[in-house]
N, C-alpha and C. Protein backbone atom coordinates (compact mmCIF):
# COMPACT_ATOMS: atom_id res chain seq x y z
N MET A 1 -54.34 49.36 121.98
CA MET A 1 -54.34 49.85 120.61
C MET A 1 -55.64 49.46 119.94
N HIS A 2 -56.27 50.42 119.31
CA HIS A 2 -57.53 50.19 118.61
C HIS A 2 -57.33 49.24 117.44
N ASN A 3 -58.22 48.27 117.29
CA ASN A 3 -58.19 47.30 116.19
C ASN A 3 -56.98 46.38 116.20
N PHE A 4 -56.32 46.25 117.32
CA PHE A 4 -55.15 45.35 117.38
C PHE A 4 -55.61 44.01 117.94
N ASP A 5 -55.42 42.95 117.16
CA ASP A 5 -55.89 41.62 117.52
C ASP A 5 -54.71 40.77 118.00
N TYR A 6 -54.49 40.77 119.32
CA TYR A 6 -53.38 40.01 119.91
C TYR A 6 -53.48 38.53 119.56
N GLY A 7 -54.69 37.97 119.67
CA GLY A 7 -54.87 36.54 119.42
C GLY A 7 -54.49 36.15 118.00
N LYS A 8 -54.85 36.98 117.05
CA LYS A 8 -54.53 36.70 115.65
C LYS A 8 -53.01 36.72 115.42
N ILE A 9 -52.34 37.69 116.04
CA ILE A 9 -50.86 37.77 115.94
C ILE A 9 -50.25 36.52 116.56
N GLU A 10 -50.72 36.13 117.73
CA GLU A 10 -50.18 34.94 118.40
C GLU A 10 -50.35 33.70 117.52
N LYS A 11 -51.52 33.55 116.91
CA LYS A 11 -51.75 32.42 116.00
C LYS A 11 -50.79 32.45 114.82
N ALA A 12 -50.63 33.64 114.26
CA ALA A 12 -49.75 33.79 113.09
C ALA A 12 -48.30 33.46 113.44
N ILE A 13 -47.84 33.91 114.58
CA ILE A 13 -46.46 33.63 114.99
C ILE A 13 -46.29 32.13 115.26
N THR A 14 -47.28 31.50 115.86
CA THR A 14 -47.22 30.05 116.07
C THR A 14 -47.11 29.34 114.72
N MET A 15 -47.89 29.79 113.75
CA MET A 15 -47.84 29.18 112.41
C MET A 15 -46.48 29.40 111.74
N ILE A 16 -45.90 30.57 111.93
CA ILE A 16 -44.57 30.84 111.36
C ILE A 16 -43.54 29.90 111.98
N LEU A 17 -43.59 29.76 113.30
CA LEU A 17 -42.65 28.85 113.98
C LEU A 17 -42.79 27.42 113.45
N GLU A 18 -44.03 26.99 113.28
CA GLU A 18 -44.26 25.64 112.73
C GLU A 18 -43.76 25.56 111.29
N ALA A 19 -44.00 26.60 110.50
CA ALA A 19 -43.63 26.60 109.08
C ALA A 19 -42.12 26.54 108.87
N ILE A 20 -41.34 27.08 109.83
CA ILE A 20 -39.88 27.01 109.68
C ILE A 20 -39.30 25.74 110.29
N GLY A 21 -40.19 24.89 110.81
CA GLY A 21 -39.73 23.61 111.35
C GLY A 21 -39.44 23.63 112.84
N GLU A 22 -39.87 24.66 113.54
CA GLU A 22 -39.67 24.74 114.98
C GLU A 22 -40.87 24.17 115.72
N ASP A 23 -40.65 23.87 116.98
CA ASP A 23 -41.72 23.38 117.84
C ASP A 23 -42.18 24.52 118.74
N PRO A 24 -43.36 25.12 118.49
CA PRO A 24 -43.82 26.23 119.30
C PRO A 24 -44.09 25.87 120.76
N LYS A 25 -44.08 24.57 121.06
CA LYS A 25 -44.30 24.15 122.46
C LYS A 25 -42.97 23.98 123.20
N ARG A 26 -41.87 24.15 122.48
CA ARG A 26 -40.55 24.06 123.10
C ARG A 26 -40.41 25.16 124.15
N GLU A 27 -39.72 24.85 125.26
CA GLU A 27 -39.64 25.75 126.41
C GLU A 27 -39.31 27.20 126.02
N GLY A 28 -38.33 27.39 125.20
CA GLY A 28 -37.91 28.75 124.84
C GLY A 28 -38.89 29.49 123.94
N LEU A 29 -39.82 28.76 123.33
CA LEU A 29 -40.75 29.37 122.37
C LEU A 29 -42.19 29.47 122.85
N VAL A 30 -42.50 28.83 123.97
CA VAL A 30 -43.89 28.78 124.44
C VAL A 30 -44.51 30.17 124.56
N GLU A 31 -43.79 31.13 125.08
CA GLU A 31 -44.32 32.48 125.29
C GLU A 31 -44.02 33.43 124.13
N THR A 32 -43.28 32.95 123.13
CA THR A 32 -42.87 33.83 122.02
C THR A 32 -44.06 34.46 121.29
N PRO A 33 -45.10 33.73 120.94
CA PRO A 33 -46.22 34.39 120.26
C PRO A 33 -46.82 35.55 121.06
N LYS A 34 -46.94 35.37 122.39
CA LYS A 34 -47.46 36.46 123.24
C LYS A 34 -46.50 37.64 123.26
N ARG A 35 -45.21 37.33 123.39
CA ARG A 35 -44.21 38.41 123.43
C ARG A 35 -44.20 39.20 122.12
N VAL A 36 -44.28 38.50 121.00
CA VAL A 36 -44.27 39.17 119.69
C VAL A 36 -45.52 40.04 119.54
N ALA A 37 -46.66 39.53 119.96
CA ALA A 37 -47.90 40.32 119.87
C ALA A 37 -47.78 41.61 120.68
N LYS A 38 -47.24 41.52 121.90
CA LYS A 38 -47.06 42.71 122.73
C LYS A 38 -46.06 43.67 122.09
N MET A 39 -44.99 43.12 121.52
CA MET A 39 -43.99 43.96 120.86
C MET A 39 -44.61 44.67 119.65
N TYR A 40 -45.39 43.96 118.85
CA TYR A 40 -46.02 44.57 117.68
C TYR A 40 -47.00 45.69 118.08
N ALA A 41 -47.71 45.48 119.18
CA ALA A 41 -48.62 46.53 119.65
C ALA A 41 -47.84 47.82 119.93
N GLU A 42 -46.66 47.67 120.51
CA GLU A 42 -45.81 48.82 120.79
C GLU A 42 -45.19 49.38 119.51
N MET A 43 -44.64 48.50 118.68
CA MET A 43 -43.95 48.92 117.46
C MET A 43 -44.89 49.63 116.48
N PHE A 44 -46.18 49.26 116.50
CA PHE A 44 -47.12 49.81 115.52
C PHE A 44 -48.15 50.76 116.14
N GLU A 45 -47.84 51.29 117.33
CA GLU A 45 -48.79 52.17 118.01
C GLU A 45 -49.04 53.47 117.24
N GLY A 46 -48.19 53.83 116.31
CA GLY A 46 -48.38 55.04 115.52
C GLY A 46 -49.48 54.94 114.49
N LEU A 47 -49.99 53.72 114.26
CA LEU A 47 -51.05 53.55 113.26
C LEU A 47 -52.30 54.35 113.59
N ASN A 48 -52.55 54.58 114.85
CA ASN A 48 -53.77 55.29 115.25
C ASN A 48 -53.50 56.71 115.73
N LYS A 49 -52.35 57.25 115.34
CA LYS A 49 -51.99 58.61 115.75
C LYS A 49 -51.66 59.43 114.51
N ASP A 50 -51.84 60.71 114.61
CA ASP A 50 -51.55 61.63 113.51
C ASP A 50 -50.43 62.57 113.95
N PRO A 51 -49.31 62.60 113.23
CA PRO A 51 -48.20 63.48 113.64
C PRO A 51 -48.58 64.96 113.64
N LYS A 52 -49.60 65.34 112.89
CA LYS A 52 -50.04 66.74 112.87
C LYS A 52 -50.54 67.19 114.24
N ASP A 53 -51.05 66.25 115.03
CA ASP A 53 -51.58 66.59 116.35
C ASP A 53 -50.54 67.25 117.25
N TYR A 54 -49.28 66.92 117.05
CA TYR A 54 -48.22 67.48 117.90
C TYR A 54 -47.96 68.96 117.60
N PHE A 55 -48.49 69.45 116.49
CA PHE A 55 -48.25 70.84 116.13
C PHE A 55 -49.49 71.72 116.30
N LYS A 56 -50.47 71.21 117.06
CA LYS A 56 -51.66 72.01 117.31
C LYS A 56 -51.40 73.10 118.34
N THR A 57 -50.49 72.83 119.27
CA THR A 57 -50.12 73.83 120.28
C THR A 57 -48.83 74.49 119.84
N VAL A 58 -48.87 75.79 119.68
CA VAL A 58 -47.69 76.55 119.25
C VAL A 58 -47.47 77.72 120.21
N PHE A 59 -46.30 78.31 120.10
CA PHE A 59 -45.93 79.45 120.94
C PHE A 59 -45.51 80.60 120.04
N ASN A 60 -45.82 81.81 120.45
CA ASN A 60 -45.35 82.95 119.69
C ASN A 60 -44.16 83.54 120.43
N GLU A 61 -42.99 83.21 119.95
CA GLU A 61 -41.75 83.61 120.61
C GLU A 61 -41.01 84.71 119.87
N ASN A 62 -41.62 85.22 118.82
CA ASN A 62 -40.96 86.25 118.01
C ASN A 62 -39.58 85.79 117.54
N HIS A 63 -39.48 84.50 117.23
CA HIS A 63 -38.22 83.93 116.71
C HIS A 63 -38.44 83.59 115.24
N ASN A 64 -37.65 84.22 114.38
CA ASN A 64 -37.83 84.02 112.94
C ASN A 64 -36.57 83.47 112.27
N GLU A 65 -35.69 82.92 113.06
CA GLU A 65 -34.45 82.32 112.53
C GLU A 65 -34.59 80.80 112.58
N VAL A 66 -33.59 80.12 112.06
CA VAL A 66 -33.61 78.66 111.96
C VAL A 66 -33.76 78.00 113.33
N VAL A 67 -34.61 76.99 113.38
CA VAL A 67 -34.71 76.08 114.52
C VAL A 67 -34.29 74.72 113.98
N LEU A 68 -33.30 74.12 114.60
CA LEU A 68 -32.78 72.82 114.13
C LEU A 68 -32.68 71.87 115.31
N VAL A 69 -33.32 70.71 115.18
CA VAL A 69 -33.16 69.64 116.16
C VAL A 69 -32.48 68.50 115.42
N LYS A 70 -31.29 68.12 115.91
CA LYS A 70 -30.48 67.10 115.26
C LYS A 70 -30.51 65.79 116.05
N ASP A 71 -30.20 64.73 115.33
CA ASP A 71 -29.96 63.42 115.96
C ASP A 71 -31.13 62.91 116.79
N ILE A 72 -32.32 63.02 116.24
CA ILE A 72 -33.51 62.46 116.90
C ILE A 72 -33.51 60.97 116.60
N PRO A 73 -33.28 60.11 117.60
CA PRO A 73 -33.24 58.68 117.31
C PRO A 73 -34.64 58.13 117.04
N PHE A 74 -34.72 57.16 116.15
CA PHE A 74 -36.00 56.51 115.88
C PHE A 74 -35.73 55.09 115.42
N HIS A 75 -36.78 54.28 115.47
CA HIS A 75 -36.74 52.94 114.86
C HIS A 75 -38.11 52.70 114.24
N SER A 76 -38.12 51.89 113.20
CA SER A 76 -39.36 51.60 112.50
C SER A 76 -39.27 50.19 111.95
N MET A 77 -40.34 49.77 111.28
CA MET A 77 -40.37 48.45 110.65
C MET A 77 -40.60 48.63 109.15
N CYS A 78 -39.69 48.09 108.37
CA CYS A 78 -39.81 48.13 106.92
C CYS A 78 -41.09 47.40 106.50
N GLU A 79 -41.93 48.07 105.74
CA GLU A 79 -43.19 47.44 105.36
C GLU A 79 -43.01 46.35 104.32
N HIS A 80 -41.85 46.29 103.69
CA HIS A 80 -41.61 45.26 102.68
C HIS A 80 -41.20 43.92 103.28
N HIS A 81 -40.46 43.94 104.40
CA HIS A 81 -39.97 42.70 105.00
C HIS A 81 -40.34 42.53 106.47
N LEU A 82 -40.94 43.55 107.08
CA LEU A 82 -41.25 43.56 108.51
C LEU A 82 -40.02 43.27 109.36
N VAL A 83 -38.92 43.89 108.98
CA VAL A 83 -37.72 43.89 109.82
C VAL A 83 -37.39 45.36 110.13
N PRO A 84 -36.66 45.58 111.21
CA PRO A 84 -36.42 46.96 111.64
C PRO A 84 -35.49 47.75 110.72
N PHE A 85 -35.69 49.06 110.75
CA PHE A 85 -34.67 50.00 110.32
C PHE A 85 -34.64 51.09 111.38
N PHE A 86 -33.48 51.70 111.54
CA PHE A 86 -33.33 52.66 112.63
C PHE A 86 -32.27 53.68 112.27
N GLY A 87 -32.33 54.81 112.92
CA GLY A 87 -31.36 55.85 112.65
C GLY A 87 -31.70 57.13 113.37
N HIS A 88 -31.42 58.25 112.68
CA HIS A 88 -31.61 59.57 113.26
C HIS A 88 -32.29 60.49 112.26
N ALA A 89 -33.13 61.35 112.80
CA ALA A 89 -33.77 62.39 111.99
C ALA A 89 -33.20 63.73 112.41
N HIS A 90 -33.10 64.62 111.44
CA HIS A 90 -32.68 66.00 111.68
C HIS A 90 -33.77 66.87 111.07
N ILE A 91 -34.31 67.79 111.87
CA ILE A 91 -35.41 68.61 111.40
C ILE A 91 -35.07 70.08 111.61
N ALA A 92 -35.19 70.84 110.52
CA ALA A 92 -34.96 72.28 110.59
C ALA A 92 -36.19 72.99 110.03
N TYR A 93 -36.50 74.13 110.62
CA TYR A 93 -37.54 74.97 110.03
C TYR A 93 -37.29 76.42 110.38
N ILE A 94 -37.84 77.28 109.57
CA ILE A 94 -37.78 78.71 109.83
C ILE A 94 -39.21 79.16 110.13
N PRO A 95 -39.44 79.58 111.38
CA PRO A 95 -40.80 79.98 111.76
C PRO A 95 -41.27 81.20 110.96
N ARG A 96 -42.56 81.28 110.77
CA ARG A 96 -43.18 82.47 110.15
C ARG A 96 -43.87 83.25 111.27
N ASN A 97 -43.61 84.53 111.34
CA ASN A 97 -44.22 85.41 112.35
C ASN A 97 -43.97 84.94 113.78
N GLY A 98 -42.81 84.30 114.01
CA GLY A 98 -42.41 83.91 115.35
C GLY A 98 -43.15 82.72 115.94
N VAL A 99 -43.91 82.00 115.13
CA VAL A 99 -44.70 80.86 115.63
C VAL A 99 -43.82 79.61 115.66
N VAL A 100 -43.59 79.08 116.87
CA VAL A 100 -42.74 77.90 117.03
C VAL A 100 -43.50 76.78 117.74
N ALA A 101 -43.04 75.57 117.49
CA ALA A 101 -43.58 74.39 118.18
C ALA A 101 -42.61 74.03 119.29
N GLY A 102 -43.11 73.33 120.30
CA GLY A 102 -42.21 72.82 121.34
C GLY A 102 -41.21 71.86 120.71
N LEU A 103 -39.96 71.92 121.14
CA LEU A 103 -38.91 71.10 120.53
C LEU A 103 -39.21 69.61 120.64
N SER A 104 -39.79 69.19 121.75
CA SER A 104 -40.10 67.76 121.92
C SER A 104 -41.14 67.29 120.91
N LYS A 105 -41.94 68.23 120.40
CA LYS A 105 -42.99 67.86 119.45
C LYS A 105 -42.40 67.38 118.13
N LEU A 106 -41.23 67.88 117.77
CA LEU A 106 -40.57 67.42 116.55
C LEU A 106 -40.19 65.95 116.69
N ALA A 107 -39.63 65.60 117.85
CA ALA A 107 -39.25 64.20 118.11
C ALA A 107 -40.49 63.31 118.16
N ARG A 108 -41.56 63.79 118.77
CA ARG A 108 -42.79 63.00 118.87
C ARG A 108 -43.41 62.76 117.50
N ALA A 109 -43.33 63.74 116.62
CA ALA A 109 -43.87 63.57 115.26
C ALA A 109 -43.10 62.50 114.51
N VAL A 110 -41.77 62.48 114.68
CA VAL A 110 -40.94 61.45 114.05
C VAL A 110 -41.32 60.08 114.61
N GLU A 111 -41.38 59.98 115.92
CA GLU A 111 -41.67 58.69 116.57
C GLU A 111 -43.04 58.14 116.15
N THR A 112 -44.05 58.99 116.17
CA THR A 112 -45.40 58.55 115.78
C THR A 112 -45.43 58.07 114.33
N THR A 113 -44.76 58.81 113.45
CA THR A 113 -44.74 58.45 112.04
C THR A 113 -43.97 57.16 111.81
N ALA A 114 -42.93 56.93 112.59
CA ALA A 114 -42.09 55.74 112.44
C ALA A 114 -42.75 54.48 112.99
N ARG A 115 -43.65 54.63 113.94
CA ARG A 115 -44.23 53.46 114.62
C ARG A 115 -45.43 52.89 113.88
N ARG A 116 -45.14 52.41 112.68
CA ARG A 116 -46.12 51.72 111.83
C ARG A 116 -45.32 51.05 110.72
N PRO A 117 -45.87 50.08 110.02
CA PRO A 117 -45.14 49.54 108.87
C PRO A 117 -44.85 50.71 107.94
N GLN A 118 -43.59 50.88 107.57
CA GLN A 118 -43.21 52.16 107.02
C GLN A 118 -42.09 52.07 105.99
N LEU A 119 -41.92 53.16 105.26
CA LEU A 119 -40.77 53.39 104.37
C LEU A 119 -40.07 54.64 104.86
N GLN A 120 -38.76 54.65 104.77
CA GLN A 120 -38.00 55.82 105.22
C GLN A 120 -38.41 57.07 104.47
N GLU A 121 -38.61 56.94 103.18
CA GLU A 121 -39.00 58.09 102.36
C GLU A 121 -40.32 58.69 102.85
N ARG A 122 -41.24 57.83 103.26
CA ARG A 122 -42.55 58.30 103.72
C ARG A 122 -42.45 59.00 105.07
N ILE A 123 -41.59 58.51 105.95
CA ILE A 123 -41.41 59.19 107.24
C ILE A 123 -40.92 60.62 106.98
N THR A 124 -39.94 60.75 106.11
CA THR A 124 -39.34 62.05 105.80
C THR A 124 -40.38 63.03 105.28
N SER A 125 -41.16 62.61 104.29
CA SER A 125 -42.13 63.52 103.69
C SER A 125 -43.33 63.76 104.60
N THR A 126 -43.75 62.75 105.36
CA THR A 126 -44.90 62.92 106.26
C THR A 126 -44.61 63.97 107.33
N VAL A 127 -43.42 63.91 107.93
CA VAL A 127 -43.06 64.89 108.96
C VAL A 127 -42.97 66.28 108.35
N ALA A 128 -42.33 66.41 107.18
CA ALA A 128 -42.21 67.72 106.52
C ALA A 128 -43.58 68.28 106.18
N ASN A 129 -44.45 67.44 105.63
CA ASN A 129 -45.79 67.90 105.25
C ASN A 129 -46.62 68.31 106.47
N ALA A 130 -46.53 67.54 107.55
CA ALA A 130 -47.28 67.87 108.78
C ALA A 130 -46.85 69.23 109.32
N MET A 131 -45.54 69.48 109.32
CA MET A 131 -45.05 70.76 109.82
C MET A 131 -45.48 71.92 108.93
N MET A 132 -45.42 71.72 107.61
CA MET A 132 -45.83 72.79 106.69
C MET A 132 -47.32 73.11 106.89
N GLU A 133 -48.12 72.07 107.00
CA GLU A 133 -49.56 72.28 107.13
C GLU A 133 -49.94 72.94 108.44
N MET A 134 -49.32 72.51 109.53
CA MET A 134 -49.76 72.96 110.85
C MET A 134 -49.05 74.23 111.33
N LEU A 135 -47.78 74.41 110.95
CA LEU A 135 -47.03 75.56 111.46
C LEU A 135 -46.93 76.70 110.45
N ASP A 136 -47.16 76.40 109.17
CA ASP A 136 -47.01 77.38 108.10
C ASP A 136 -45.67 78.12 108.20
N PRO A 137 -44.56 77.39 108.31
CA PRO A 137 -43.26 78.05 108.41
C PRO A 137 -42.79 78.57 107.05
N VAL A 138 -41.73 79.36 107.08
CA VAL A 138 -41.11 79.84 105.84
C VAL A 138 -40.54 78.65 105.07
N GLY A 139 -40.04 77.66 105.81
CA GLY A 139 -39.51 76.46 105.18
C GLY A 139 -39.27 75.36 106.19
N VAL A 140 -39.24 74.13 105.70
CA VAL A 140 -38.95 72.94 106.51
C VAL A 140 -37.97 72.09 105.74
N PHE A 141 -37.02 71.52 106.48
CA PHE A 141 -36.06 70.60 105.87
C PHE A 141 -35.90 69.41 106.81
N VAL A 142 -36.21 68.22 106.32
CA VAL A 142 -36.12 67.01 107.13
C VAL A 142 -35.12 66.07 106.46
N VAL A 143 -34.15 65.61 107.24
CA VAL A 143 -33.17 64.64 106.76
C VAL A 143 -33.23 63.43 107.68
N ILE A 144 -33.31 62.26 107.07
CA ILE A 144 -33.29 61.03 107.86
C ILE A 144 -32.18 60.14 107.32
N GLU A 145 -31.38 59.63 108.26
CA GLU A 145 -30.36 58.64 107.89
C GLU A 145 -30.62 57.40 108.71
N ALA A 146 -30.64 56.25 108.03
CA ALA A 146 -31.02 55.02 108.73
C ALA A 146 -30.30 53.81 108.16
N GLU A 147 -30.16 52.81 109.03
CA GLU A 147 -29.64 51.51 108.62
C GLU A 147 -30.82 50.55 108.56
N HIS A 148 -30.90 49.84 107.45
CA HIS A 148 -32.02 48.95 107.20
C HIS A 148 -31.59 47.49 107.37
N MET A 149 -32.24 46.79 108.29
CA MET A 149 -31.90 45.39 108.52
C MET A 149 -32.19 44.52 107.30
N CYS A 150 -33.11 44.96 106.43
CA CYS A 150 -33.37 44.18 105.22
C CYS A 150 -32.17 44.22 104.27
N MET A 151 -31.27 45.19 104.46
CA MET A 151 -30.04 45.25 103.67
C MET A 151 -28.85 44.63 104.40
N THR A 152 -28.90 44.60 105.72
CA THR A 152 -27.73 44.13 106.47
C THR A 152 -27.85 42.66 106.89
N MET A 153 -29.08 42.18 107.10
CA MET A 153 -29.28 40.81 107.56
C MET A 153 -29.54 39.83 106.42
N ARG A 154 -30.06 40.33 105.31
CA ARG A 154 -30.46 39.46 104.20
C ARG A 154 -30.09 40.15 102.89
N GLY A 155 -30.41 39.53 101.81
CA GLY A 155 -30.17 40.15 100.51
C GLY A 155 -28.72 40.52 100.31
N ILE A 156 -28.45 41.80 100.13
CA ILE A 156 -27.10 42.26 99.80
C ILE A 156 -26.12 42.15 100.97
N ARG A 157 -26.61 42.10 102.21
CA ARG A 157 -25.80 41.92 103.42
C ARG A 157 -24.64 42.92 103.51
N LYS A 158 -24.98 44.16 103.67
CA LYS A 158 -23.99 45.23 103.77
C LYS A 158 -24.17 46.00 105.09
N PRO A 159 -23.72 45.41 106.22
CA PRO A 159 -23.86 46.08 107.51
C PRO A 159 -23.19 47.44 107.51
N GLY A 160 -23.80 48.38 108.20
CA GLY A 160 -23.23 49.72 108.33
C GLY A 160 -23.62 50.67 107.21
N SER A 161 -24.20 50.15 106.14
CA SER A 161 -24.61 51.06 105.06
C SER A 161 -25.80 51.89 105.53
N LYS A 162 -25.79 53.15 105.18
CA LYS A 162 -26.85 54.07 105.60
C LYS A 162 -27.59 54.59 104.39
N THR A 163 -28.88 54.77 104.57
CA THR A 163 -29.72 55.38 103.55
C THR A 163 -30.11 56.77 104.05
N MET A 164 -29.96 57.77 103.20
CA MET A 164 -30.34 59.13 103.56
C MET A 164 -31.51 59.58 102.69
N THR A 165 -32.49 60.19 103.32
CA THR A 165 -33.60 60.78 102.59
C THR A 165 -33.77 62.21 103.07
N MET A 166 -34.23 63.07 102.17
CA MET A 166 -34.43 64.48 102.50
C MET A 166 -35.74 64.95 101.92
N SER A 167 -36.41 65.81 102.66
CA SER A 167 -37.60 66.49 102.17
C SER A 167 -37.44 67.97 102.45
N ALA A 168 -37.51 68.77 101.39
CA ALA A 168 -37.39 70.22 101.49
C ALA A 168 -38.73 70.84 101.12
N ARG A 169 -39.17 71.78 101.94
CA ARG A 169 -40.42 72.48 101.68
C ARG A 169 -40.17 73.98 101.82
N GLY A 170 -40.99 74.76 101.14
CA GLY A 170 -40.88 76.21 101.24
C GLY A 170 -39.54 76.72 100.75
N ILE A 171 -38.92 77.60 101.53
CA ILE A 171 -37.67 78.23 101.10
C ILE A 171 -36.55 77.20 100.87
N TYR A 172 -36.59 76.08 101.61
CA TYR A 172 -35.55 75.06 101.43
C TYR A 172 -35.69 74.32 100.10
N GLU A 173 -36.90 74.31 99.58
CA GLU A 173 -37.14 73.70 98.28
C GLU A 173 -36.69 74.64 97.15
N GLU A 174 -36.88 75.93 97.39
CA GLU A 174 -36.63 76.94 96.36
C GLU A 174 -35.21 77.47 96.33
N ASP A 175 -34.53 77.50 97.47
CA ASP A 175 -33.26 78.21 97.59
C ASP A 175 -32.11 77.24 97.90
N ALA A 176 -31.27 76.98 96.90
CA ALA A 176 -30.16 76.04 97.05
C ALA A 176 -29.17 76.49 98.12
N GLU A 177 -28.99 77.79 98.26
CA GLU A 177 -28.06 78.31 99.27
C GLU A 177 -28.57 78.03 100.68
N LYS A 178 -29.87 78.19 100.90
CA LYS A 178 -30.46 77.89 102.21
C LYS A 178 -30.35 76.39 102.52
N ARG A 179 -30.58 75.56 101.50
CA ARG A 179 -30.45 74.10 101.67
C ARG A 179 -29.02 73.75 102.06
N SER A 180 -28.08 74.32 101.36
CA SER A 180 -26.66 74.06 101.62
C SER A 180 -26.29 74.50 103.05
N GLU A 181 -26.81 75.65 103.46
CA GLU A 181 -26.54 76.17 104.80
C GLU A 181 -27.05 75.20 105.87
N ILE A 182 -28.25 74.69 105.68
CA ILE A 182 -28.81 73.80 106.70
C ILE A 182 -28.11 72.45 106.70
N LEU A 183 -27.71 71.97 105.53
CA LEU A 183 -26.95 70.71 105.48
C LEU A 183 -25.61 70.86 106.21
N THR A 184 -24.98 72.01 106.08
CA THR A 184 -23.73 72.27 106.79
C THR A 184 -23.98 72.22 108.30
N LEU A 185 -25.06 72.86 108.75
CA LEU A 185 -25.39 72.84 110.19
C LEU A 185 -25.66 71.42 110.68
N ILE A 186 -26.37 70.65 109.88
CA ILE A 186 -26.68 69.28 110.27
C ILE A 186 -25.40 68.45 110.39
N ASN A 187 -24.46 68.67 109.50
CA ASN A 187 -23.22 67.88 109.49
C ASN A 187 -22.19 68.33 110.52
N MET A 188 -22.42 69.46 111.18
CA MET A 188 -21.49 69.90 112.23
C MET A 188 -21.70 69.01 113.46
N THR A 189 -20.61 68.67 114.13
CA THR A 189 -20.75 67.83 115.34
C THR A 189 -21.01 68.64 116.56
């Protein structure tokens, strides 16, 4: 990962362990700073990627009806507490002039956007904006539902609570009936 300083992370984790009263030389903790640095490199690999890149290659399939990919799993790190949040994204769009993206590209855009210190609201709008800019669809609708460890492990401590965010663009922003239709499709099992 470009600009990723493993040594600095290892030092910081050692300092955190010392600050909480732990012994970083204890058998179970000796390798922890290295493990955390490697984990952070993976968790934050999206910092140097642009989700728009996944929509550079498109196909002309003469399909002008709804495309919906549901239940795209993702995990991210809350930028306020650096603890995980995770859940599922649902992405719908209506192609313009039959121009479609590969289905896996929708999942990759979510994953790239999520793999950085993040807010759920920002993931939702970033994916919607990238699709609007690169695919020029009739409309895009992104729904994300996630459980935030900053709410379940600390603070209010409400395990199982879910946060939902939505971003509507194009026809989904303008037409309440279209929004309602896509929400019904998303909620079908």
